[in-house]
Amino acid sequence: MKLKQSIAVFIAVFFGLTTLIALLFNVSGLSSIILGWASFLAAIALILGVFNLLMVHLNRLFKEQNVYSGVLVLGMLLLFGAAVLDGLSGSQNVSLLFDWVQAPLEAALASLLAVFLLLAGVQLLKRQQTRWAFLFGLTATVMLLAQALLASRLLPTTLRQPVNQVYEFVQNVMVTSGIRGLLIGVALGTLLLSLRLLMGVERPYNNE
């Protein structure tokens, strides 16, 4: 291992173990200082990343006449200007942009995601006719129909409560169980990756 790599590994392992020990033994002052440094460096990295993204798309806009890059640059400049005005005058321009632009886009993407999941379930049933594929397609269909019926005024009042009970059962039992399984997998993967980083096996901070 080269000297440059050894120094990077030593710094990463030292601060990782120091933070872990401080959190385990409740040394609040030390852990707060290290986490503050990490937050500051992460903020600087985020600012540099945004600036680099702006430069890349400005280059594409002027050299390649890319329309999408122009839209992105315009959106970034508008958001930056709105944030500056909010800081100077105390207005709510950023919240207004979020409510009228970001929120509708997220709602549209969420709607498309639901349709794509249903189509994926249909394709899965065509290729693999197993009970798990059937359960996936049935769950997606039930959730979409239940949400559509509950949002519609055409559903009779007598049927609204049973449909709501079926929807809440699927949401609270089946969907929540799947989300918990995914979170447990993410937690285990994060734990293993953290151990590899602390032992110096995984070195993403090296150039080589």
N, C-alpha and C. Protein backbone atom coordinates (compact mmCIF):
# COMPACT_ATOMS: atom_id res chain seq x y z
N MET A 1 0.85 -1.19 0.00
CA MET A 1 0.00 0.00 0.00
C MET A 1 0.88 1.24 0.00
N LYS A 2 0.56 2.22 -0.86
CA LYS A 2 1.35 3.42 -0.94
C LYS A 2 1.13 4.30 0.29
N LEU A 3 2.09 5.24 0.47
CA LEU A 3 2.01 6.12 1.64
C LEU A 3 0.75 6.99 1.59
N LYS A 4 0.40 7.47 0.41
CA LYS A 4 -0.78 8.31 0.27
C LYS A 4 -2.04 7.53 0.64
N GLN A 5 -2.14 6.30 0.18
CA GLN A 5 -3.28 5.47 0.52
C GLN A 5 -3.30 5.13 2.00
N SER A 6 -2.13 4.89 2.59
CA SER A 6 -2.07 4.56 4.01
C SER A 6 -2.55 5.72 4.87
N ILE A 7 -2.19 6.95 4.50
CA ILE A 7 -2.63 8.12 5.26
C ILE A 7 -4.14 8.28 5.17
N ALA A 8 -4.70 8.08 3.96
CA ALA A 8 -6.16 8.21 3.79
C ALA A 8 -6.90 7.16 4.61
N VAL A 9 -6.39 5.90 4.59
CA VAL A 9 -7.02 4.83 5.37
C VAL A 9 -6.92 5.13 6.87
N PHE A 10 -5.77 5.60 7.32
CA PHE A 10 -5.58 5.90 8.74
C PHE A 10 -6.54 7.00 9.19
N ILE A 11 -6.67 8.06 8.40
CA ILE A 11 -7.56 9.17 8.79
C ILE A 11 -9.01 8.70 8.84
N ALA A 12 -9.43 7.94 7.83
CA ALA A 12 -10.82 7.47 7.79
C ALA A 12 -11.12 6.53 8.95
N VAL A 13 -10.23 5.57 9.20
CA VAL A 13 -10.46 4.61 10.29
C VAL A 13 -10.40 5.30 11.65
N PHE A 14 -9.47 6.25 11.82
CA PHE A 14 -9.32 6.94 13.10
C PHE A 14 -10.58 7.73 13.45
N PHE A 15 -11.05 8.54 12.51
CA PHE A 15 -12.23 9.35 12.80
C PHE A 15 -13.48 8.49 12.88
N GLY A 16 -13.55 7.41 12.10
CA GLY A 16 -14.71 6.52 12.21
C GLY A 16 -14.78 5.84 13.56
N LEU A 17 -13.65 5.29 14.02
CA LEU A 17 -13.63 4.64 15.34
C LEU A 17 -13.84 5.65 16.46
N THR A 18 -13.27 6.85 16.33
CA THR A 18 -13.47 7.88 17.35
C THR A 18 -14.93 8.27 17.47
N THR A 19 -15.60 8.45 16.34
CA THR A 19 -17.03 8.79 16.37
C THR A 19 -17.85 7.65 16.96
N LEU A 20 -17.51 6.41 16.59
CA LEU A 20 -18.25 5.25 17.11
C LEU A 20 -18.08 5.15 18.63
N ILE A 21 -16.86 5.30 19.11
CA ILE A 21 -16.62 5.22 20.56
C ILE A 21 -17.33 6.36 21.29
N ALA A 22 -17.30 7.57 20.71
CA ALA A 22 -17.96 8.71 21.34
C ALA A 22 -19.47 8.51 21.42
N LEU A 23 -20.05 7.91 20.39
CA LEU A 23 -21.49 7.66 20.41
C LEU A 23 -21.85 6.52 21.36
N LEU A 24 -21.01 5.48 21.43
CA LEU A 24 -21.31 4.34 22.31
C LEU A 24 -21.18 4.72 23.78
N PHE A 25 -20.17 5.52 24.12
CA PHE A 25 -19.93 5.88 25.52
C PHE A 25 -20.47 7.27 25.87
N ASN A 26 -21.30 7.80 24.98
CA ASN A 26 -22.02 9.05 25.24
C ASN A 26 -21.07 10.22 25.54
N VAL A 27 -20.00 10.32 24.75
CA VAL A 27 -19.11 11.47 24.84
C VAL A 27 -19.66 12.52 23.87
N SER A 28 -20.64 13.26 24.34
CA SER A 28 -21.43 14.13 23.45
C SER A 28 -20.58 15.24 22.83
N GLY A 29 -19.63 15.80 23.59
CA GLY A 29 -18.85 16.90 23.05
C GLY A 29 -18.00 16.49 21.87
N LEU A 30 -17.32 15.35 21.99
CA LEU A 30 -16.44 14.89 20.91
C LEU A 30 -17.24 14.49 19.68
N SER A 31 -18.32 13.73 19.89
CA SER A 31 -19.12 13.30 18.74
C SER A 31 -19.78 14.49 18.05
N SER A 32 -20.19 15.49 18.82
CA SER A 32 -20.81 16.68 18.21
C SER A 32 -19.81 17.44 17.35
N ILE A 33 -18.56 17.54 17.82
CA ILE A 33 -17.54 18.24 17.04
C ILE A 33 -17.27 17.51 15.73
N ILE A 34 -17.09 16.19 15.79
CA ILE A 34 -16.79 15.43 14.57
C ILE A 34 -17.97 15.45 13.61
N LEU A 35 -19.18 15.27 14.13
CA LEU A 35 -20.36 15.31 13.27
C LEU A 35 -20.57 16.71 12.69
N GLY A 36 -20.19 17.74 13.45
CA GLY A 36 -20.27 19.10 12.91
C GLY A 36 -19.31 19.30 11.76
N TRP A 37 -18.08 18.78 11.91
CA TRP A 37 -17.12 18.84 10.81
C TRP A 37 -17.64 18.10 9.57
N ALA A 38 -18.20 16.92 9.81
CA ALA A 38 -18.72 16.13 8.69
C ALA A 38 -19.87 16.86 8.00
N SER A 39 -20.76 17.49 8.78
CA SER A 39 -21.88 18.24 8.19
C SER A 39 -21.38 19.43 7.39
N PHE A 40 -20.36 20.10 7.91
CA PHE A 40 -19.79 21.25 7.19
C PHE A 40 -19.16 20.81 5.87
N LEU A 41 -18.38 19.72 5.89
CA LEU A 41 -17.76 19.23 4.66
C LEU A 41 -18.81 18.74 3.67
N ALA A 42 -19.88 18.10 4.18
CA ALA A 42 -20.95 17.65 3.29
C ALA A 42 -21.66 18.84 2.65
N ALA A 43 -21.85 19.92 3.40
CA ALA A 43 -22.48 21.12 2.83
C ALA A 43 -21.60 21.74 1.75
N ILE A 44 -20.28 21.80 2.01
CA ILE A 44 -19.36 22.33 1.00
C ILE A 44 -19.38 21.45 -0.25
N ALA A 45 -19.38 20.13 -0.05
CA ALA A 45 -19.42 19.22 -1.20
C ALA A 45 -20.72 19.39 -2.00
N LEU A 46 -21.83 19.62 -1.29
CA LEU A 46 -23.11 19.83 -1.98
C LEU A 46 -23.08 21.12 -2.80
N ILE A 47 -22.54 22.19 -2.23
CA ILE A 47 -22.45 23.46 -2.96
C ILE A 47 -21.57 23.31 -4.21
N LEU A 48 -20.43 22.63 -4.05
CA LEU A 48 -19.55 22.41 -5.20
C LEU A 48 -20.22 21.55 -6.25
N GLY A 49 -21.00 20.54 -5.81
CA GLY A 49 -21.72 19.70 -6.76
C GLY A 49 -22.76 20.47 -7.54
N VAL A 50 -23.51 21.34 -6.87
CA VAL A 50 -24.50 22.17 -7.56
C VAL A 50 -23.83 23.13 -8.53
N PHE A 51 -22.72 23.73 -8.11
CA PHE A 51 -21.99 24.65 -8.99
C PHE A 51 -21.44 23.91 -10.21
N ASN A 52 -20.93 22.70 -10.00
CA ASN A 52 -20.42 21.91 -11.13
C ASN A 52 -21.55 21.53 -12.08
N LEU A 53 -22.71 21.18 -11.54
CA LEU A 53 -23.86 20.86 -12.39
C LEU A 53 -24.29 22.07 -13.21
N LEU A 54 -24.26 23.25 -12.59
CA LEU A 54 -24.61 24.47 -13.32
C LEU A 54 -23.62 24.75 -14.44
N MET A 55 -22.32 24.57 -14.18
CA MET A 55 -21.31 24.81 -15.20
C MET A 55 -21.44 23.82 -16.36
N VAL A 56 -21.70 22.56 -16.05
CA VAL A 56 -21.84 21.55 -17.10
C VAL A 56 -23.00 21.88 -18.03
N HIS A 57 -24.15 22.26 -17.45
CA HIS A 57 -25.32 22.53 -18.29
C HIS A 57 -25.23 23.89 -18.97
N LEU A 58 -24.52 24.84 -18.39
CA LEU A 58 -24.25 26.08 -19.12
C LEU A 58 -23.39 25.82 -20.34
N ASN A 59 -22.42 24.92 -20.19
CA ASN A 59 -21.57 24.55 -21.33
C ASN A 59 -22.39 23.86 -22.42
N ARG A 60 -23.29 22.97 -22.01
CA ARG A 60 -24.15 22.31 -23.00
C ARG A 60 -25.11 23.29 -23.65
N LEU A 61 -25.58 24.25 -22.88
CA LEU A 61 -26.54 25.22 -23.42
C LEU A 61 -25.90 26.08 -24.50
N PHE A 62 -24.69 26.58 -24.28
CA PHE A 62 -24.06 27.50 -25.23
C PHE A 62 -23.35 26.78 -26.37
N LYS A 63 -22.85 25.57 -26.13
CA LYS A 63 -22.13 24.85 -27.18
C LYS A 63 -23.04 23.95 -28.01
N GLU A 64 -23.94 23.24 -27.35
CA GLU A 64 -24.79 22.27 -28.05
C GLU A 64 -26.21 22.77 -28.25
N GLN A 65 -26.56 23.93 -27.70
CA GLN A 65 -27.91 24.48 -27.79
C GLN A 65 -28.95 23.48 -27.25
N ASN A 66 -28.61 22.89 -26.11
CA ASN A 66 -29.49 21.89 -25.50
C ASN A 66 -30.63 22.59 -24.77
N VAL A 67 -31.87 22.28 -25.19
CA VAL A 67 -33.04 22.95 -24.60
C VAL A 67 -33.24 22.51 -23.15
N TYR A 68 -33.04 21.22 -22.87
CA TYR A 68 -33.25 20.72 -21.52
C TYR A 68 -32.24 21.33 -20.53
N SER A 69 -31.02 21.52 -20.99
CA SER A 69 -30.03 22.18 -20.15
C SER A 69 -30.44 23.62 -19.87
N GLY A 70 -31.01 24.29 -20.87
CA GLY A 70 -31.49 25.65 -20.65
C GLY A 70 -32.61 25.72 -19.63
N VAL A 71 -33.52 24.74 -19.69
CA VAL A 71 -34.61 24.70 -18.71
C VAL A 71 -34.06 24.46 -17.31
N LEU A 72 -33.08 23.56 -17.20
CA LEU A 72 -32.48 23.28 -15.89
C LEU A 72 -31.76 24.51 -15.34
N VAL A 73 -30.98 25.18 -16.18
CA VAL A 73 -30.26 26.38 -15.74
C VAL A 73 -31.24 27.47 -15.33
N LEU A 74 -32.30 27.66 -16.11
CA LEU A 74 -33.31 28.67 -15.78
C LEU A 74 -33.98 28.35 -14.45
N GLY A 75 -34.30 27.06 -14.23
CA GLY A 75 -34.92 26.67 -12.98
C GLY A 75 -34.00 26.89 -11.78
N MET A 76 -32.71 26.57 -11.95
CA MET A 76 -31.76 26.78 -10.86
C MET A 76 -31.61 28.25 -10.52
N LEU A 77 -31.54 29.11 -11.56
CA LEU A 77 -31.40 30.55 -11.33
C LEU A 77 -32.66 31.13 -10.70
N LEU A 78 -33.83 30.67 -11.13
CA LEU A 78 -35.08 31.15 -10.52
C LEU A 78 -35.17 30.75 -9.05
N LEU A 79 -34.79 29.52 -8.75
CA LEU A 79 -34.84 29.07 -7.37
C LEU A 79 -33.84 29.82 -6.51
N PHE A 80 -32.65 30.07 -7.05
CA PHE A 80 -31.65 30.83 -6.29
C PHE A 80 -32.12 32.25 -6.05
N GLY A 81 -32.71 32.87 -7.08
CA GLY A 81 -33.23 34.22 -6.90
C GLY A 81 -34.36 34.28 -5.89
N ALA A 82 -35.24 33.27 -5.93
CA ALA A 82 -36.34 33.23 -4.97
C ALA A 82 -35.83 33.06 -3.55
N ALA A 83 -34.78 32.22 -3.38
CA ALA A 83 -34.21 32.03 -2.04
C ALA A 83 -33.56 33.31 -1.53
N VAL A 84 -32.89 34.05 -2.43
CA VAL A 84 -32.27 35.32 -2.02
C VAL A 84 -33.34 36.34 -1.62
N LEU A 85 -34.43 36.41 -2.40
CA LEU A 85 -35.52 37.33 -2.05
C LEU A 85 -36.18 36.95 -0.74
N ASP A 86 -36.33 35.64 -0.49
CA ASP A 86 -36.89 35.20 0.78
C ASP A 86 -36.02 35.61 1.95
N GLY A 87 -34.69 35.50 1.75
CA GLY A 87 -33.78 35.88 2.83
C GLY A 87 -33.76 37.38 3.09
N LEU A 88 -33.98 38.18 2.04
CA LEU A 88 -33.93 39.64 2.21
C LEU A 88 -35.25 40.23 2.68
N SER A 89 -36.35 39.71 2.13
CA SER A 89 -37.66 40.31 2.43
C SER A 89 -38.55 39.46 3.32
N GLY A 90 -38.16 38.20 3.56
CA GLY A 90 -39.00 37.34 4.39
C GLY A 90 -40.23 36.81 3.68
N SER A 91 -40.23 36.83 2.35
CA SER A 91 -41.37 36.31 1.58
C SER A 91 -41.31 34.79 1.51
N GLN A 92 -42.27 34.20 0.79
CA GLN A 92 -42.38 32.75 0.67
C GLN A 92 -42.32 32.31 -0.79
N ASN A 93 -41.35 32.84 -1.53
CA ASN A 93 -41.26 32.52 -2.96
C ASN A 93 -40.84 31.07 -3.20
N VAL A 94 -39.93 30.54 -2.37
CA VAL A 94 -39.50 29.14 -2.53
C VAL A 94 -40.66 28.19 -2.27
N SER A 95 -41.45 28.47 -1.24
CA SER A 95 -42.62 27.63 -0.95
C SER A 95 -43.63 27.71 -2.08
N LEU A 96 -43.78 28.89 -2.69
CA LEU A 96 -44.70 29.04 -3.82
C LEU A 96 -44.23 28.23 -5.02
N LEU A 97 -42.94 28.28 -5.30
CA LEU A 97 -42.40 27.47 -6.40
C LEU A 97 -42.56 25.99 -6.13
N PHE A 98 -42.35 25.59 -4.88
CA PHE A 98 -42.51 24.17 -4.53
C PHE A 98 -43.96 23.73 -4.71
N ASP A 99 -44.91 24.55 -4.27
CA ASP A 99 -46.33 24.18 -4.35
C ASP A 99 -46.84 24.12 -5.78
N TRP A 100 -46.30 25.01 -6.65
CA TRP A 100 -46.83 25.10 -8.01
C TRP A 100 -46.01 24.33 -9.04
N VAL A 101 -44.79 23.95 -8.69
CA VAL A 101 -43.94 23.23 -9.66
C VAL A 101 -43.54 21.85 -9.14
N GLN A 102 -42.86 21.82 -7.98
CA GLN A 102 -42.31 20.56 -7.47
C GLN A 102 -43.40 19.58 -7.07
N ALA A 103 -44.38 20.05 -6.33
CA ALA A 103 -45.44 19.14 -5.85
C ALA A 103 -46.26 18.54 -7.00
N PRO A 104 -46.70 19.31 -8.01
CA PRO A 104 -47.40 18.67 -9.14
C PRO A 104 -46.55 17.67 -9.90
N LEU A 105 -45.24 17.98 -10.08
CA LEU A 105 -44.37 17.03 -10.77
C LEU A 105 -44.23 15.73 -9.98
N GLU A 106 -44.08 15.83 -8.66
CA GLU A 106 -43.97 14.63 -7.84
C GLU A 106 -45.26 13.82 -7.87
N ALA A 107 -46.40 14.51 -7.86
CA ALA A 107 -47.68 13.80 -7.93
C ALA A 107 -47.84 13.08 -9.27
N ALA A 108 -47.42 13.74 -10.36
CA ALA A 108 -47.51 13.10 -11.67
C ALA A 108 -46.59 11.88 -11.76
N LEU A 109 -45.37 12.00 -11.23
CA LEU A 109 -44.44 10.87 -11.25
C LEU A 109 -44.96 9.72 -10.38
N ALA A 110 -45.56 10.04 -9.24
CA ALA A 110 -46.13 8.99 -8.38
C ALA A 110 -47.28 8.27 -9.09
N SER A 111 -48.10 9.02 -9.83
CA SER A 111 -49.19 8.39 -10.58
C SER A 111 -48.65 7.46 -11.67
N LEU A 112 -47.62 7.93 -12.39
CA LEU A 112 -47.00 7.09 -13.41
C LEU A 112 -46.35 5.85 -12.81
N LEU A 113 -45.77 6.01 -11.62
CA LEU A 113 -45.15 4.87 -10.96
C LEU A 113 -46.17 3.80 -10.63
N ALA A 114 -47.36 4.21 -10.18
CA ALA A 114 -48.41 3.23 -9.88
C ALA A 114 -48.83 2.46 -11.13
N VAL A 115 -48.97 3.18 -12.25
CA VAL A 115 -49.35 2.52 -13.50
C VAL A 115 -48.25 1.58 -13.97
N PHE A 116 -46.99 2.00 -13.87
CA PHE A 116 -45.87 1.16 -14.28
C PHE A 116 -45.77 -0.09 -13.42
N LEU A 117 -46.07 0.03 -12.12
CA LEU A 117 -46.05 -1.15 -11.25
C LEU A 117 -47.13 -2.14 -11.67
N LEU A 118 -48.30 -1.64 -12.02
CA LEU A 118 -49.37 -2.54 -12.47
C LEU A 118 -48.99 -3.23 -13.78
N LEU A 119 -48.41 -2.47 -14.72
CA LEU A 119 -47.98 -3.08 -15.98
C LEU A 119 -46.85 -4.08 -15.74
N ALA A 120 -45.95 -3.77 -14.80
CA ALA A 120 -44.88 -4.72 -14.47
C ALA A 120 -45.46 -6.00 -13.89
N GLY A 121 -46.51 -5.86 -13.07
CA GLY A 121 -47.16 -7.06 -12.54
C GLY A 121 -47.78 -7.91 -13.63
N VAL A 122 -48.39 -7.25 -14.63
CA VAL A 122 -48.99 -8.00 -15.75
C VAL A 122 -47.91 -8.72 -16.55
N GLN A 123 -46.80 -8.05 -16.83
CA GLN A 123 -45.70 -8.69 -17.56
C GLN A 123 -45.10 -9.84 -16.75
N LEU A 124 -45.03 -9.65 -15.42
CA LEU A 124 -44.50 -10.71 -14.57
C LEU A 124 -45.40 -11.94 -14.60
N LEU A 125 -46.71 -11.73 -14.62
CA LEU A 125 -47.64 -12.85 -14.70
C LEU A 125 -47.55 -13.56 -16.04
N LYS A 126 -47.23 -12.83 -17.10
CA LYS A 126 -47.09 -13.47 -18.40
C LYS A 126 -45.85 -14.36 -18.46
N ARG A 127 -44.75 -13.91 -17.82
CA ARG A 127 -43.50 -14.65 -17.89
C ARG A 127 -43.38 -15.72 -16.82
N GLN A 128 -43.78 -15.40 -15.61
CA GLN A 128 -43.65 -16.33 -14.49
C GLN A 128 -44.99 -16.41 -13.76
N GLN A 129 -45.73 -17.43 -14.05
CA GLN A 129 -47.04 -17.59 -13.43
C GLN A 129 -46.90 -18.35 -12.10
N THR A 130 -46.36 -17.65 -11.14
CA THR A 130 -46.19 -18.21 -9.80
C THR A 130 -47.15 -17.52 -8.83
N ARG A 131 -47.24 -18.07 -7.64
CA ARG A 131 -48.16 -17.49 -6.66
C ARG A 131 -47.69 -16.13 -6.18
N TRP A 132 -46.35 -15.90 -6.16
CA TRP A 132 -45.85 -14.61 -5.72
C TRP A 132 -46.13 -13.54 -6.77
N ALA A 133 -45.99 -13.90 -8.04
CA ALA A 133 -46.33 -12.95 -9.10
C ALA A 133 -47.82 -12.63 -9.09
N PHE A 134 -48.64 -13.65 -8.86
CA PHE A 134 -50.08 -13.43 -8.77
C PHE A 134 -50.43 -12.54 -7.58
N LEU A 135 -49.75 -12.76 -6.44
CA LEU A 135 -49.99 -11.94 -5.25
C LEU A 135 -49.59 -10.49 -5.49
N PHE A 136 -48.47 -10.29 -6.19
CA PHE A 136 -48.03 -8.93 -6.51
C PHE A 136 -49.06 -8.21 -7.38
N GLY A 137 -49.49 -8.87 -8.45
CA GLY A 137 -50.48 -8.26 -9.34
C GLY A 137 -51.81 -8.01 -8.65
N LEU A 138 -52.24 -8.95 -7.81
CA LEU A 138 -53.50 -8.78 -7.09
C LEU A 138 -53.43 -7.61 -6.11
N THR A 139 -52.31 -7.50 -5.40
CA THR A 139 -52.15 -6.40 -4.44
C THR A 139 -52.15 -5.05 -5.14
N ALA A 140 -51.41 -4.94 -6.24
CA ALA A 140 -51.37 -3.68 -6.98
C ALA A 140 -52.75 -3.31 -7.51
N THR A 141 -53.49 -4.29 -8.03
CA THR A 141 -54.83 -4.02 -8.56
C THR A 141 -55.78 -3.59 -7.46
N VAL A 142 -55.74 -4.28 -6.33
CA VAL A 142 -56.62 -3.93 -5.20
C VAL A 142 -56.34 -2.52 -4.70
N MET A 143 -55.06 -2.17 -4.58
CA MET A 143 -54.70 -0.84 -4.07
C MET A 143 -55.14 0.26 -5.03
N LEU A 144 -54.94 0.05 -6.34
CA LEU A 144 -55.35 1.07 -7.31
C LEU A 144 -56.87 1.22 -7.35
N LEU A 145 -57.58 0.10 -7.36
CA LEU A 145 -59.05 0.17 -7.39
C LEU A 145 -59.60 0.79 -6.11
N ALA A 146 -59.02 0.43 -4.97
CA ALA A 146 -59.51 0.97 -3.71
C ALA A 146 -59.29 2.48 -3.64
N GLN A 147 -58.13 2.95 -4.04
CA GLN A 147 -57.87 4.38 -4.02
C GLN A 147 -58.78 5.12 -4.99
N ALA A 148 -59.00 4.53 -6.18
CA ALA A 148 -59.87 5.18 -7.16
C ALA A 148 -61.32 5.23 -6.67
N LEU A 149 -61.79 4.15 -6.05
CA LEU A 149 -63.17 4.13 -5.54
C LEU A 149 -63.35 5.07 -4.36
N LEU A 150 -62.36 5.12 -3.48
CA LEU A 150 -62.49 6.01 -2.32
C LEU A 150 -62.43 7.47 -2.73
N ALA A 151 -61.70 7.79 -3.79
CA ALA A 151 -61.63 9.18 -4.25
C ALA A 151 -62.82 9.57 -5.10
N SER A 152 -63.59 8.59 -5.57
CA SER A 152 -64.74 8.86 -6.43
C SER A 152 -66.00 9.05 -5.60
N ARG A 153 -66.90 9.88 -6.11
CA ARG A 153 -68.20 10.08 -5.46
C ARG A 153 -69.24 9.08 -5.91
N LEU A 154 -68.88 8.25 -6.90
CA LEU A 154 -69.83 7.27 -7.41
C LEU A 154 -69.99 6.07 -6.49
N LEU A 155 -69.04 5.88 -5.57
CA LEU A 155 -69.11 4.74 -4.65
C LEU A 155 -70.21 4.98 -3.61
N PRO A 156 -71.14 4.04 -3.47
CA PRO A 156 -72.20 4.20 -2.46
C PRO A 156 -71.63 4.28 -1.05
N THR A 157 -72.38 4.92 -0.17
CA THR A 157 -71.93 5.10 1.21
C THR A 157 -71.83 3.77 1.93
N THR A 158 -72.72 2.83 1.59
CA THR A 158 -72.70 1.53 2.27
C THR A 158 -71.46 0.71 1.93
N LEU A 159 -70.88 0.94 0.74
CA LEU A 159 -69.69 0.19 0.33
C LEU A 159 -68.39 0.92 0.67
N ARG A 160 -68.48 2.18 1.06
CA ARG A 160 -67.27 2.94 1.31
C ARG A 160 -66.48 2.39 2.50
N GLN A 161 -67.17 2.00 3.57
CA GLN A 161 -66.46 1.48 4.74
C GLN A 161 -65.80 0.13 4.47
N PRO A 162 -66.47 -0.87 3.83
CA PRO A 162 -65.76 -2.12 3.52
C PRO A 162 -64.55 -1.92 2.60
N VAL A 163 -64.69 -1.06 1.60
CA VAL A 163 -63.55 -0.80 0.71
C VAL A 163 -62.41 -0.15 1.47
N ASN A 164 -62.74 0.77 2.37
CA ASN A 164 -61.72 1.42 3.19
C ASN A 164 -61.03 0.42 4.11
N GLN A 165 -61.78 -0.54 4.65
CA GLN A 165 -61.18 -1.55 5.52
C GLN A 165 -60.22 -2.45 4.75
N VAL A 166 -60.60 -2.84 3.52
CA VAL A 166 -59.70 -3.65 2.69
C VAL A 166 -58.44 -2.87 2.36
N TYR A 167 -58.60 -1.60 2.02
CA TYR A 167 -57.45 -0.75 1.69
C TYR A 167 -56.51 -0.61 2.89
N GLU A 168 -57.07 -0.34 4.06
CA GLU A 168 -56.23 -0.18 5.26
C GLU A 168 -55.55 -1.48 5.64
N PHE A 169 -56.22 -2.62 5.43
CA PHE A 169 -55.60 -3.91 5.75
C PHE A 169 -54.38 -4.16 4.86
N VAL A 170 -54.55 -3.95 3.57
CA VAL A 170 -53.43 -4.16 2.64
C VAL A 170 -52.31 -3.17 2.94
N GLN A 171 -52.68 -1.91 3.21
CA GLN A 171 -51.67 -0.88 3.45
C GLN A 171 -50.93 -1.12 4.76
N ASN A 172 -51.65 -1.46 5.83
CA ASN A 172 -51.04 -1.57 7.15
C ASN A 172 -50.36 -2.91 7.40
N VAL A 173 -50.78 -3.96 6.71
CA VAL A 173 -50.22 -5.29 6.96
C VAL A 173 -49.23 -5.69 5.86
N MET A 174 -49.69 -5.77 4.63
CA MET A 174 -48.84 -6.30 3.56
C MET A 174 -47.79 -5.29 3.12
N VAL A 175 -48.22 -4.05 2.84
CA VAL A 175 -47.26 -3.05 2.37
C VAL A 175 -46.27 -2.68 3.46
N THR A 176 -46.76 -2.52 4.69
CA THR A 176 -45.86 -2.19 5.79
C THR A 176 -44.86 -3.30 6.06
N SER A 177 -45.29 -4.55 5.93
CA SER A 177 -44.36 -5.67 6.12
C SER A 177 -43.25 -5.65 5.08
N GLY A 178 -43.61 -5.37 3.83
CA GLY A 178 -42.59 -5.29 2.79
C GLY A 178 -41.62 -4.14 3.02
N ILE A 179 -42.16 -2.98 3.46
CA ILE A 179 -41.29 -1.83 3.72
C ILE A 179 -40.34 -2.13 4.87
N ARG A 180 -40.84 -2.81 5.92
CA ARG A 180 -39.97 -3.15 7.05
C ARG A 180 -38.86 -4.12 6.63
N GLY A 181 -39.21 -5.06 5.75
CA GLY A 181 -38.18 -5.97 5.25
C GLY A 181 -37.11 -5.24 4.47
N LEU A 182 -37.54 -4.28 3.63
CA LEU A 182 -36.56 -3.49 2.88
C LEU A 182 -35.68 -2.66 3.81
N LEU A 183 -36.29 -2.07 4.84
CA LEU A 183 -35.51 -1.25 5.78
C LEU A 183 -34.51 -2.10 6.56
N ILE A 184 -34.91 -3.32 6.93
CA ILE A 184 -33.98 -4.21 7.63
C ILE A 184 -32.80 -4.56 6.72
N GLY A 185 -33.09 -4.83 5.44
CA GLY A 185 -32.01 -5.12 4.50
C GLY A 185 -31.09 -3.93 4.31
N VAL A 186 -31.66 -2.72 4.22
CA VAL A 186 -30.83 -1.51 4.09
C VAL A 186 -29.97 -1.32 5.33
N ALA A 187 -30.55 -1.56 6.53
CA ALA A 187 -29.79 -1.39 7.77
C ALA A 187 -28.64 -2.39 7.85
N LEU A 188 -28.89 -3.65 7.47
CA LEU A 188 -27.81 -4.65 7.50
C LEU A 188 -26.72 -4.31 6.48
N GLY A 189 -27.12 -3.88 5.29
CA GLY A 189 -26.12 -3.49 4.30
C GLY A 189 -25.30 -2.29 4.74
N THR A 190 -25.96 -1.31 5.37
CA THR A 190 -25.23 -0.14 5.89
C THR A 190 -24.27 -0.54 6.99
N LEU A 191 -24.69 -1.48 7.87
CA LEU A 191 -23.82 -1.94 8.95
C LEU A 191 -22.58 -2.65 8.40
N LEU A 192 -22.78 -3.53 7.43
CA LEU A 192 -21.64 -4.24 6.85
C LEU A 192 -20.70 -3.29 6.11
N LEU A 193 -21.27 -2.33 5.37
CA LEU A 193 -20.42 -1.37 4.67
C LEU A 193 -19.65 -0.50 5.66
N SER A 194 -20.29 -0.12 6.76
CA SER A 194 -19.60 0.68 7.78
C SER A 194 -18.44 -0.09 8.40
N LEU A 195 -18.66 -1.38 8.67
CA LEU A 195 -17.57 -2.20 9.22
C LEU A 195 -16.42 -2.32 8.23
N ARG A 196 -16.72 -2.48 6.95
CA ARG A 196 -15.66 -2.57 5.94
C ARG A 196 -14.91 -1.24 5.83
N LEU A 197 -15.62 -0.12 5.98
CA LEU A 197 -14.95 1.17 5.95
C LEU A 197 -14.06 1.37 7.16
N LEU A 198 -14.53 0.95 8.34
CA LEU A 198 -13.74 1.11 9.56
C LEU A 198 -12.50 0.23 9.55
N MET A 199 -12.59 -0.94 8.94
CA MET A 199 -11.44 -1.83 8.87
C MET A 199 -10.50 -1.51 7.71
N GLY A 200 -10.89 -0.55 6.88
CA GLY A 200 -10.04 -0.16 5.76
C GLY A 200 -10.14 -1.08 4.56
N VAL A 201 -11.10 -2.00 4.57
CA VAL A 201 -11.25 -2.90 3.42
C VAL A 201 -11.86 -2.15 2.23
N GLU A 202 -12.87 -1.33 2.51
CA GLU A 202 -13.51 -0.52 1.48
C GLU A 202 -12.93 0.88 1.55
N ARG A 203 -12.38 1.37 0.44
CA ARG A 203 -11.71 2.66 0.44
C ARG A 203 -12.23 3.53 -0.71
N PRO A 204 -13.44 4.06 -0.60
CA PRO A 204 -13.95 4.95 -1.67
C PRO A 204 -13.29 6.30 -1.68
N TYR A 205 -12.51 6.62 -0.62
CA TYR A 205 -11.88 7.93 -0.55
C TYR A 205 -10.53 7.94 -1.24
N ASN A 206 -10.10 6.81 -1.80
CA ASN A 206 -8.85 6.74 -2.55
C ASN A 206 -9.11 6.94 -4.03
N ASN A 207 -8.14 7.50 -4.71
CA ASN A 207 -8.27 7.69 -6.15
C ASN A 207 -8.06 6.40 -6.91
N GLU A 208 -7.29 5.48 -6.37
CA GLU A 208 -6.97 4.24 -7.08
C GLU A 208 -7.79 3.10 -6.51
